[in-house]
Amino acid sequence: MTEDRGKLDLTRRLEEADATIVELRQRINELMAISKSHQNLMGKQIVENEELKKDNKALAKQIDDYFNARLDSVRKSGI
Protein backbone atom coordinates (compact mmCIF):
# COMPACT_ATOMS: atom_id res chain seq x y z
CA MET A 1 0.00 0.00 0.00
CA THR A 2 1.43 3.35 -1.00
CA GLU A 3 1.41 6.41 1.18
CA ASP A 4 -0.89 9.00 -0.39
CA ARG A 5 -0.12 11.71 2.13
CA GLY A 6 2.61 14.17 1.34
CA LYS A 7 5.49 15.21 3.56
CA LEU A 8 3.58 18.27 4.71
CA ASP A 9 0.42 16.41 5.80
CA LEU A 10 -0.27 17.46 9.38
CA THR A 11 -1.65 14.12 10.59
CA ARG A 12 1.39 12.34 9.18
CA ARG A 13 3.72 14.84 10.87
CA LEU A 14 1.86 14.40 14.17
CA GLU A 15 2.14 10.62 13.95
CA GLU A 16 5.86 10.90 13.26
CA ALA A 17 6.29 13.32 16.14
CA ASP A 18 4.36 11.00 18.47
CA ALA A 19 6.58 8.07 17.47
CA THR A 20 9.66 10.19 18.08
CA ILE A 21 8.35 11.24 21.48
CA VAL A 22 7.76 7.60 22.45
CA GLU A 23 11.31 6.68 21.41
CA LEU A 24 12.78 9.62 23.31
CA ARG A 25 10.82 8.77 26.46
CA GLN A 26 12.11 5.21 26.29
CA ARG A 27 15.66 6.47 25.91
CA ILE A 28 15.19 8.88 28.83
CA ASN A 29 13.99 5.98 30.99
CA GLU A 30 17.05 3.94 29.99
CA LEU A 31 19.39 6.83 30.78
CA MET A 32 17.68 7.48 34.12
CA ALA A 33 18.21 3.81 35.06
CA ILE A 34 21.88 4.07 34.08
CA SER A 35 22.22 7.28 36.11
CA LYS A 36 20.62 5.66 39.16
CA SER A 37 22.98 2.70 38.85
CA HIS A 38 25.99 5.01 38.62
CA GLN A 39 24.80 6.98 41.64
CA ASN A 40 24.57 3.76 43.66
CA LEU A 41 28.04 2.69 42.54
CA MET A 42 29.51 6.11 43.34
CA GLY A 43 27.92 6.04 46.78
CA LYS A 44 29.51 2.67 47.49
CA GLN A 45 32.88 3.90 46.19
CA ILE A 46 32.73 7.00 48.39
CA VAL A 47 31.98 4.91 51.48
CA GLU A 48 34.79 2.49 50.63
CA ASN A 49 37.17 5.40 50.02
CA GLU A 50 36.36 6.90 53.42
CA GLU A 51 36.94 3.54 55.10
CA LEU A 52 40.28 3.20 53.35
CA LYS A 53 41.29 6.69 54.47
CA LYS A 54 40.49 5.77 58.08
CA ASP A 55 42.44 2.52 57.77
CA ASN A 56 45.37 4.35 56.23
CA LYS A 57 45.45 6.88 59.08
CA ALA A 58 45.28 4.08 61.66
CA LEU A 59 48.12 2.20 59.99
CA ALA A 60 50.23 5.34 59.75
CA LYS A 61 49.69 5.95 63.48
CA GLN A 62 50.63 2.34 64.27
CA ILE A 63 53.83 2.65 62.26
CA ASP A 64 54.65 5.97 63.92
CA ASP A 65 53.99 4.52 67.38
CA TYR A 66 56.12 1.47 66.58
CA PHE A 67 59.10 3.53 65.43
CA ASN A 68 58.75 5.94 68.35
CA ALA A 69 58.73 2.98 70.76
CA ARG A 70 61.82 1.53 69.09
CA LEU A 71 63.56 4.90 69.21
CA ASP A 72 62.68 5.30 72.89
CA SER A 73 64.02 1.84 73.69
CA VAL A 74 67.28 2.61 71.85
CA ARG A 75 67.62 5.90 73.73
CA LYS A 76 66.97 4.22 77.09
CA SER A 77 69.51 1.46 76.39
CA GLY A 78 72.17 4.07 75.64
CA ILE A 79 73.36 2.49 72.43
PDB file of N, CA and C in Angstrom:
ATOM      1  N   MET A   1       0.852  -1.173   0.000  1.00  0.00           N
ATOM      2  CA  MET A   1       0.000   0.000   0.000  1.00  0.00           C
ATOM      3  C   MET A   1       0.895   1.232   0.000  1.00  0.00           C
ATOM      4  N   THR A   2       0.605   2.149  -0.876  1.00  0.00           N
ATOM      5  CA  THR A   2       1.430   3.348  -0.999  1.00  0.00           C
ATOM      6  C   THR A   2       0.878   4.450  -0.107  1.00  0.00           C
ATOM      7  N   GLU A   3       1.776   5.270   0.345  1.00  0.00           N
ATOM      8  CA  GLU A   3       1.408   6.409   1.182  1.00  0.00           C
ATOM      9  C   GLU A   3       0.913   7.526   0.274  1.00  0.00           C
ATOM     10  N   ASP A   4      -0.330   7.949   0.468  1.00  0.00           N
ATOM     11  CA  ASP A   4      -0.885   8.997  -0.385  1.00  0.00           C
ATOM     12  C   ASP A   4      -0.789  10.370   0.263  1.00  0.00           C
ATOM     13  N   ARG A   5      -0.261  10.411   1.480  1.00  0.00           N
ATOM     14  CA  ARG A   5      -0.116  11.708   2.133  1.00  0.00           C
ATOM     15  C   ARG A   5       1.265  12.265   1.818  1.00  0.00           C
ATOM     16  N   GLY A   6       1.332  13.534   1.638  1.00  0.00           N
ATOM     17  CA  GLY A   6       2.608  14.172   1.343  1.00  0.00           C
ATOM     18  C   GLY A   6       3.395  14.447   2.616  1.00  0.00           C
ATOM     19  N   LYS A   7       4.623  14.931   2.420  1.00  0.00           N
ATOM     20  CA  LYS A   7       5.492  15.208   3.563  1.00  0.00           C
ATOM     21  C   LYS A   7       4.948  16.306   4.468  1.00  0.00           C
ATOM     22  N   LEU A   8       4.106  17.153   3.939  1.00  0.00           N
ATOM     23  CA  LEU A   8       3.583  18.271   4.715  1.00  0.00           C
ATOM     24  C   LEU A   8       2.227  17.990   5.351  1.00  0.00           C
ATOM     25  N   ASP A   9       1.712  16.770   5.209  1.00  0.00           N
ATOM     26  CA  ASP A   9       0.418  16.407   5.797  1.00  0.00           C
ATOM     27  C   ASP A   9       0.531  16.465   7.320  1.00  0.00           C
ATOM     28  N   LEU A  10      -0.364  17.235   7.951  1.00  0.00           N
ATOM     29  CA  LEU A  10      -0.273  17.455   9.383  1.00  0.00           C
ATOM     30  C   LEU A  10      -0.494  16.189  10.197  1.00  0.00           C
ATOM     31  N   THR A  11      -1.419  15.352   9.818  1.00  0.00           N
ATOM     32  CA  THR A  11      -1.655  14.120  10.589  1.00  0.00           C
ATOM     33  C   THR A  11      -0.442  13.201  10.504  1.00  0.00           C
ATOM     34  N   ARG A  12       0.179  13.153   9.334  1.00  0.00           N
ATOM     35  CA  ARG A  12       1.386  12.345   9.183  1.00  0.00           C
ATOM     36  C   ARG A  12       2.508  12.908  10.061  1.00  0.00           C
ATOM     37  N   ARG A  13       2.675  14.212  10.054  1.00  0.00           N
ATOM     38  CA  ARG A  13       3.722  14.845  10.873  1.00  0.00           C
ATOM     39  C   ARG A  13       3.471  14.614  12.360  1.00  0.00           C
ATOM     40  N   LEU A  14       2.187  14.666  12.771  1.00  0.00           N
ATOM     41  CA  LEU A  14       1.855  14.404  14.171  1.00  0.00           C
ATOM     42  C   LEU A  14       2.152  12.956  14.556  1.00  0.00           C
ATOM     43  N   GLU A  15       1.847  12.028  13.683  1.00  0.00           N
ATOM     44  CA  GLU A  15       2.139  10.620  13.948  1.00  0.00           C
ATOM     45  C   GLU A  15       3.648  10.392  14.075  1.00  0.00           C
ATOM     46  N   GLU A  16       4.407  11.027  13.193  1.00  0.00           N
ATOM     47  CA  GLU A  16       5.863  10.896  13.259  1.00  0.00           C
ATOM     48  C   GLU A  16       6.410  11.515  14.539  1.00  0.00           C
ATOM     49  N   ALA A  17       5.847  12.658  14.910  1.00  0.00           N
ATOM     50  CA  ALA A  17       6.287  13.321  16.140  1.00  0.00           C
ATOM     51  C   ALA A  17       5.946  12.468  17.358  1.00  0.00           C
ATOM     52  N   ASP A  18       4.749  11.869  17.355  1.00  0.00           N
ATOM     53  CA  ASP A  18       4.355  11.001  18.465  1.00  0.00           C
ATOM     54  C   ASP A  18       5.286   9.796  18.571  1.00  0.00           C
ATOM     55  N   ALA A  19       5.665   9.213  17.457  1.00  0.00           N
ATOM     56  CA  ALA A  19       6.578   8.074  17.468  1.00  0.00           C
ATOM     57  C   ALA A  19       7.954   8.497  17.998  1.00  0.00           C
ATOM     58  N   THR A  20       8.386   9.674  17.595  1.00  0.00           N
ATOM     59  CA  THR A  20       9.664  10.188  18.078  1.00  0.00           C
ATOM     60  C   THR A  20       9.616  10.436  19.583  1.00  0.00           C
ATOM     61  N   ILE A  21       8.521  10.977  20.057  1.00  0.00           N
ATOM     62  CA  ILE A  21       8.351  11.241  21.485  1.00  0.00           C
ATOM     63  C   ILE A  21       8.401   9.933  22.275  1.00  0.00           C
ATOM     64  N   VAL A  22       7.741   8.905  21.772  1.00  0.00           N
ATOM     65  CA  VAL A  22       7.763   7.600  22.449  1.00  0.00           C
ATOM     66  C   VAL A  22       9.194   7.068  22.525  1.00  0.00           C
ATOM     67  N   GLU A  23       9.916   7.148  21.428  1.00  0.00           N
ATOM     68  CA  GLU A  23      11.314   6.681  21.407  1.00  0.00           C
ATOM     69  C   GLU A  23      12.172   7.470  22.389  1.00  0.00           C
ATOM     70  N   LEU A  24      11.994   8.784  22.407  1.00  0.00           N
ATOM     71  CA  LEU A  24      12.778   9.625  23.311  1.00  0.00           C
ATOM     72  C   LEU A  24      12.457   9.338  24.774  1.00  0.00           C
ATOM     73  N   ARG A  25      11.195   9.103  25.078  1.00  0.00           N
ATOM     74  CA  ARG A  25      10.823   8.771  26.463  1.00  0.00           C
ATOM     75  C   ARG A  25      11.444   7.445  26.888  1.00  0.00           C
ATOM     76  N   GLN A  26      11.471   6.480  25.977  1.00  0.00           N
ATOM     77  CA  GLN A  26      12.109   5.206  26.290  1.00  0.00           C
ATOM     78  C   GLN A  26      13.597   5.408  26.558  1.00  0.00           C
ATOM     79  N   ARG A  27      14.233   6.209  25.740  1.00  0.00           N
ATOM     80  CA  ARG A  27      15.664   6.474  25.914  1.00  0.00           C
ATOM     81  C   ARG A  27      15.929   7.213  27.232  1.00  0.00           C
ATOM     82  N   ILE A  28      15.056   8.164  27.559  1.00  0.00           N
ATOM     83  CA  ILE A  28      15.191   8.880  28.827  1.00  0.00           C
ATOM     84  C   ILE A  28      15.094   7.902  29.994  1.00  0.00           C
ATOM     85  N   ASN A  29      14.138   6.979  29.929  1.00  0.00           N
ATOM     86  CA  ASN A  29      13.995   5.981  30.992  1.00  0.00           C
ATOM     87  C   ASN A  29      15.246   5.111  31.105  1.00  0.00           C
ATOM     88  N   GLU A  30      15.819   4.724  29.978  1.00  0.00           N
ATOM     89  CA  GLU A  30      17.053   3.937  29.989  1.00  0.00           C
ATOM     90  C   GLU A  30      18.190   4.736  30.630  1.00  0.00           C
ATOM     91  N   LEU A  31      18.322   5.988  30.235  1.00  0.00           N
ATOM     92  CA  LEU A  31      19.386   6.829  30.776  1.00  0.00           C
ATOM     93  C   LEU A  31      19.195   7.115  32.267  1.00  0.00           C
ATOM     94  N   MET A  32      17.955   7.268  32.695  1.00  0.00           N
ATOM     95  CA  MET A  32      17.683   7.476  34.116  1.00  0.00           C
ATOM     96  C   MET A  32      18.074   6.233  34.923  1.00  0.00           C
ATOM     97  N   ALA A  33      17.815   5.049  34.376  1.00  0.00           N
ATOM     98  CA  ALA A  33      18.205   3.812  35.055  1.00  0.00           C
ATOM     99  C   ALA A  33      19.726   3.714  35.147  1.00  0.00           C
ATOM    100  N   ILE A  34      20.412   4.077  34.078  1.00  0.00           N
ATOM    101  CA  ILE A  34      21.879   4.072  34.085  1.00  0.00           C
ATOM    102  C   ILE A  34      22.393   5.073  35.120  1.00  0.00           C
ATOM    103  N   SER A  35      21.806   6.249  35.156  1.00  0.00           N
ATOM    104  CA  SER A  35      22.219   7.278  36.110  1.00  0.00           C
ATOM    105  C   SER A  35      22.025   6.792  37.544  1.00  0.00           C
ATOM    106  N   LYS A  36      20.904   6.176  37.821  1.00  0.00           N
ATOM    107  CA  LYS A  36      20.616   5.656  39.165  1.00  0.00           C
ATOM    108  C   LYS A  36      21.649   4.600  39.544  1.00  0.00           C
ATOM    109  N   SER A  37      21.977   3.734  38.606  1.00  0.00           N
ATOM    110  CA  SER A  37      22.975   2.701  38.850  1.00  0.00           C
ATOM    111  C   SER A  37      24.331   3.319  39.159  1.00  0.00           C
ATOM    112  N   HIS A  38      24.704   4.330  38.392  1.00  0.00           N
ATOM    113  CA  HIS A  38      25.986   5.013  38.619  1.00  0.00           C
ATOM    114  C   HIS A  38      26.002   5.728  39.968  1.00  0.00           C
ATOM    115  N   GLN A  39      24.878   6.313  40.345  1.00  0.00           N
ATOM    116  CA  GLN A  39      24.800   6.982  41.644  1.00  0.00           C
ATOM    117  C   GLN A  39      25.017   5.976  42.773  1.00  0.00           C
ATOM    118  N   ASN A  40      24.399   4.799  42.644  1.00  0.00           N
ATOM    119  CA  ASN A  40      24.575   3.763  43.662  1.00  0.00           C
ATOM    120  C   ASN A  40      26.029   3.316  43.727  1.00  0.00           C
ATOM    121  N   LEU A  41      26.643   3.107  42.568  1.00  0.00           N
ATOM    122  CA  LEU A  41      28.040   2.692  42.543  1.00  0.00           C
ATOM    123  C   LEU A  41      28.945   3.763  43.141  1.00  0.00           C
ATOM    124  N   MET A  42      28.698   5.018  42.801  1.00  0.00           N
ATOM    125  CA  MET A  42      29.512   6.113  43.336  1.00  0.00           C
ATOM    126  C   MET A  42      29.353   6.202  44.853  1.00  0.00           C
ATOM    127  N   GLY A  43      28.152   6.016  45.340  1.00  0.00           N
ATOM    128  CA  GLY A  43      27.916   6.041  46.781  1.00  0.00           C
ATOM    129  C   GLY A  43      28.731   4.968  47.481  1.00  0.00           C
ATOM    130  N   LYS A  44      28.732   3.764  46.911  1.00  0.00           N
ATOM    131  CA  LYS A  44      29.511   2.672  47.494  1.00  0.00           C
ATOM    132  C   LYS A  44      31.007   2.982  47.437  1.00  0.00           C
ATOM    133  N   GLN A  45      31.461   3.556  46.326  1.00  0.00           N
ATOM    134  CA  GLN A  45      32.877   3.897  46.190  1.00  0.00           C
ATOM    135  C   GLN A  45      33.289   4.972  47.187  1.00  0.00           C
ATOM    136  N   ILE A  46      32.429   5.937  47.429  1.00  0.00           N
ATOM    137  CA  ILE A  46      32.734   6.999  48.392  1.00  0.00           C
ATOM    138  C   ILE A  46      32.854   6.420  49.795  1.00  0.00           C
ATOM    139  N   VAL A  47      31.924   5.541  50.162  1.00  0.00           N
ATOM    140  CA  VAL A  47      31.977   4.912  51.482  1.00  0.00           C
ATOM    141  C   VAL A  47      33.257   4.093  51.618  1.00  0.00           C
ATOM    142  N   GLU A  48      33.571   3.309  50.600  1.00  0.00           N
ATOM    143  CA  GLU A  48      34.790   2.493  50.634  1.00  0.00           C
ATOM    144  C   GLU A  48      36.038   3.373  50.726  1.00  0.00           C
ATOM    145  N   ASN A  49      36.037   4.471  49.987  1.00  0.00           N
ATOM    146  CA  ASN A  49      37.169   5.396  50.018  1.00  0.00           C
ATOM    147  C   ASN A  49      37.357   5.985  51.417  1.00  0.00           C
ATOM    148  N   GLU A  50      36.283   6.358  52.063  1.00  0.00           N
ATOM    149  CA  GLU A  50      36.359   6.903  53.416  1.00  0.00           C
ATOM    150  C   GLU A  50      36.892   5.857  54.394  1.00  0.00           C
ATOM    151  N   GLU A  51      36.444   4.613  54.242  1.00  0.00           N
ATOM    152  CA  GLU A  51      36.939   3.541  55.103  1.00  0.00           C
ATOM    153  C   GLU A  51      38.436   3.320  54.889  1.00  0.00           C
ATOM    154  N   LEU A  52      38.860   3.368  53.649  1.00  0.00           N
ATOM    155  CA  LEU A  52      40.280   3.199  53.354  1.00  0.00           C
ATOM    156  C   LEU A  52      41.110   4.343  53.921  1.00  0.00           C
ATOM    157  N   LYS A  53      40.582   5.556  53.877  1.00  0.00           N
ATOM    158  CA  LYS A  53      41.290   6.694  54.473  1.00  0.00           C
ATOM    159  C   LYS A  53      41.473   6.490  55.976  1.00  0.00           C
ATOM    160  N   LYS A  54      40.407   6.025  56.643  1.00  0.00           N
ATOM    161  CA  LYS A  54      40.494   5.774  58.082  1.00  0.00           C
ATOM    162  C   LYS A  54      41.518   4.683  58.367  1.00  0.00           C
ATOM    163  N   ASP A  55      41.471   3.615  57.585  1.00  0.00           N
ATOM    164  CA  ASP A  55      42.436   2.521  57.769  1.00  0.00           C
ATOM    165  C   ASP A  55      43.856   3.009  57.546  1.00  0.00           C
ATOM    166  N   ASN A  56      44.049   3.833  56.543  1.00  0.00           N
ATOM    167  CA  ASN A  56      45.373   4.353  56.232  1.00  0.00           C
ATOM    168  C   ASN A  56      45.902   5.208  57.381  1.00  0.00           C
ATOM    169  N   LYS A  57      45.042   6.054  57.943  1.00  0.00           N
ATOM    170  CA  LYS A  57      45.447   6.878  59.080  1.00  0.00           C
ATOM    171  C   LYS A  57      45.814   6.003  60.270  1.00  0.00           C
ATOM    172  N   ALA A  58      45.011   4.972  60.529  1.00  0.00           N
ATOM    173  CA  ALA A  58      45.276   4.084  61.665  1.00  0.00           C
ATOM    174  C   ALA A  58      46.608   3.354  61.473  1.00  0.00           C
ATOM    175  N   LEU A  59      46.863   2.888  60.264  1.00  0.00           N
ATOM    176  CA  LEU A  59      48.124   2.201  59.992  1.00  0.00           C
ATOM    177  C   LEU A  59      49.311   3.147  60.105  1.00  0.00           C
ATOM    178  N   ALA A  60      49.153   4.357  59.634  1.00  0.00           N
ATOM    179  CA  ALA A  60      50.232   5.341  59.752  1.00  0.00           C
ATOM    180  C   ALA A  60      50.529   5.624  61.221  1.00  0.00           C
ATOM    181  N   LYS A  61      49.494   5.721  62.041  1.00  0.00           N
ATOM    182  CA  LYS A  61      49.692   5.947  63.478  1.00  0.00           C
ATOM    183  C   LYS A  61      50.383   4.744  64.110  1.00  0.00           C
ATOM    184  N   GLN A  62      49.977   3.541  63.723  1.00  0.00           N
ATOM    185  CA  GLN A  62      50.626   2.339  64.269  1.00  0.00           C
ATOM    186  C   GLN A  62      52.109   2.315  63.915  1.00  0.00           C
ATOM    187  N   ILE A  63      52.426   2.638  62.688  1.00  0.00           N
ATOM    188  CA  ILE A  63      53.833   2.654  62.261  1.00  0.00           C
ATOM    189  C   ILE A  63      54.604   3.718  63.033  1.00  0.00           C
ATOM    190  N   ASP A  64      54.013   4.886  63.168  1.00  0.00           N
ATOM    191  CA  ASP A  64      54.654   5.971  63.917  1.00  0.00           C
ATOM    192  C   ASP A  64      54.881   5.563  65.371  1.00  0.00           C
ATOM    193  N   ASP A  65      53.864   4.979  65.988  1.00  0.00           N
ATOM    194  CA  ASP A  65      53.994   4.522  67.379  1.00  0.00           C
ATOM    195  C   ASP A  65      55.075   3.457  67.501  1.00  0.00           C
ATOM    196  N   TYR A  66      55.122   2.542  66.550  1.00  0.00           N
ATOM    197  CA  TYR A  66      56.116   1.471  66.575  1.00  0.00           C
ATOM    198  C   TYR A  66      57.529   2.052  66.519  1.00  0.00           C
ATOM    199  N   PHE A  67      57.764   2.958  65.561  1.00  0.00           N
ATOM    200  CA  PHE A  67      59.103   3.532  65.428  1.00  0.00           C
ATOM    201  C   PHE A  67      59.466   4.424  66.618  1.00  0.00           C
ATOM    202  N   ASN A  68      58.493   5.136  67.158  1.00  0.00           N
ATOM    203  CA  ASN A  68      58.751   5.940  68.350  1.00  0.00           C
ATOM    204  C   ASN A  68      59.111   5.047  69.537  1.00  0.00           C
ATOM    205  N   ALA A  69      58.415   3.912  69.679  1.00  0.00           N
ATOM    206  CA  ALA A  69      58.731   2.980  70.763  1.00  0.00           C
ATOM    207  C   ALA A  69      60.128   2.406  70.580  1.00  0.00           C
ATOM    208  N   ARG A  70      60.470   2.059  69.357  1.00  0.00           N
ATOM    209  CA  ARG A  70      61.820   1.528  69.091  1.00  0.00           C
ATOM    210  C   ARG A  70      62.877   2.578  69.390  1.00  0.00           C
ATOM    211  N   LEU A  71      62.617   3.810  68.975  1.00  0.00           N
ATOM    212  CA  LEU A  71      63.564   4.897  69.212  1.00  0.00           C
ATOM    213  C   LEU A  71      63.732   5.145  70.709  1.00  0.00           C
ATOM    214  N   ASP A  72      62.611   5.116  71.442  1.00  0.00           N
ATOM    215  CA  ASP A  72      62.683   5.300  72.888  1.00  0.00           C
ATOM    216  C   ASP A  72      63.491   4.183  73.551  1.00  0.00           C
ATOM    217  N   SER A  73      63.283   2.953  73.082  1.00  0.00           N
ATOM    218  CA  SER A  73      64.023   1.839  73.687  1.00  0.00           C
ATOM    219  C   SER A  73      65.514   1.944  73.382  1.00  0.00           C
ATOM    220  N   VAL A  74      65.853   2.421  72.201  1.00  0.00           N
ATOM    221  CA  VAL A  74      67.278   2.610  71.849  1.00  0.00           C
ATOM    222  C   VAL A  74      67.869   3.710  72.719  1.00  0.00           C
ATOM    223  N   ARG A  75      67.143   4.789  72.918  1.00  0.00           N
ATOM    224  CA  ARG A  75      67.625   5.898  73.734  1.00  0.00           C
ATOM    225  C   ARG A  75      67.830   5.464  75.191  1.00  0.00           C
ATOM    226  N   LYS A  76      66.882   4.669  75.692  1.00  0.00           N
ATOM    227  CA  LYS A  76      66.975   4.216  77.086  1.00  0.00           C
ATOM    228  C   LYS A  76      68.145   3.234  77.282  1.00  0.00           C
ATOM    229  N   SER A  77      68.427   2.445  76.255  1.00  0.00           N
ATOM    230  CA  SER A  77      69.511   1.461  76.388  1.00  0.00           C
ATOM    231  C   SER A  77      70.883   2.119  76.266  1.00  0.00           C
ATOM    232  N   GLY A  78      70.931   3.328  75.753  1.00  0.00           N
ATOM    233  CA  GLY A  78      72.168   4.067  75.640  1.00  0.00           C
ATOM    234  C   GLY A  78      73.080   3.614  74.516  1.00  0.00           C
ATOM    235  N   ILE A  79      72.556   2.963  73.552  1.00  0.00           N
ATOM    236  CA  ILE A  79      73.358   2.487  72.427  1.00  0.00           C
ATOM    237  C   ILE A  79      73.700   3.596  71.481  1.00  0.00           C
TER     238      ILE A  79
END
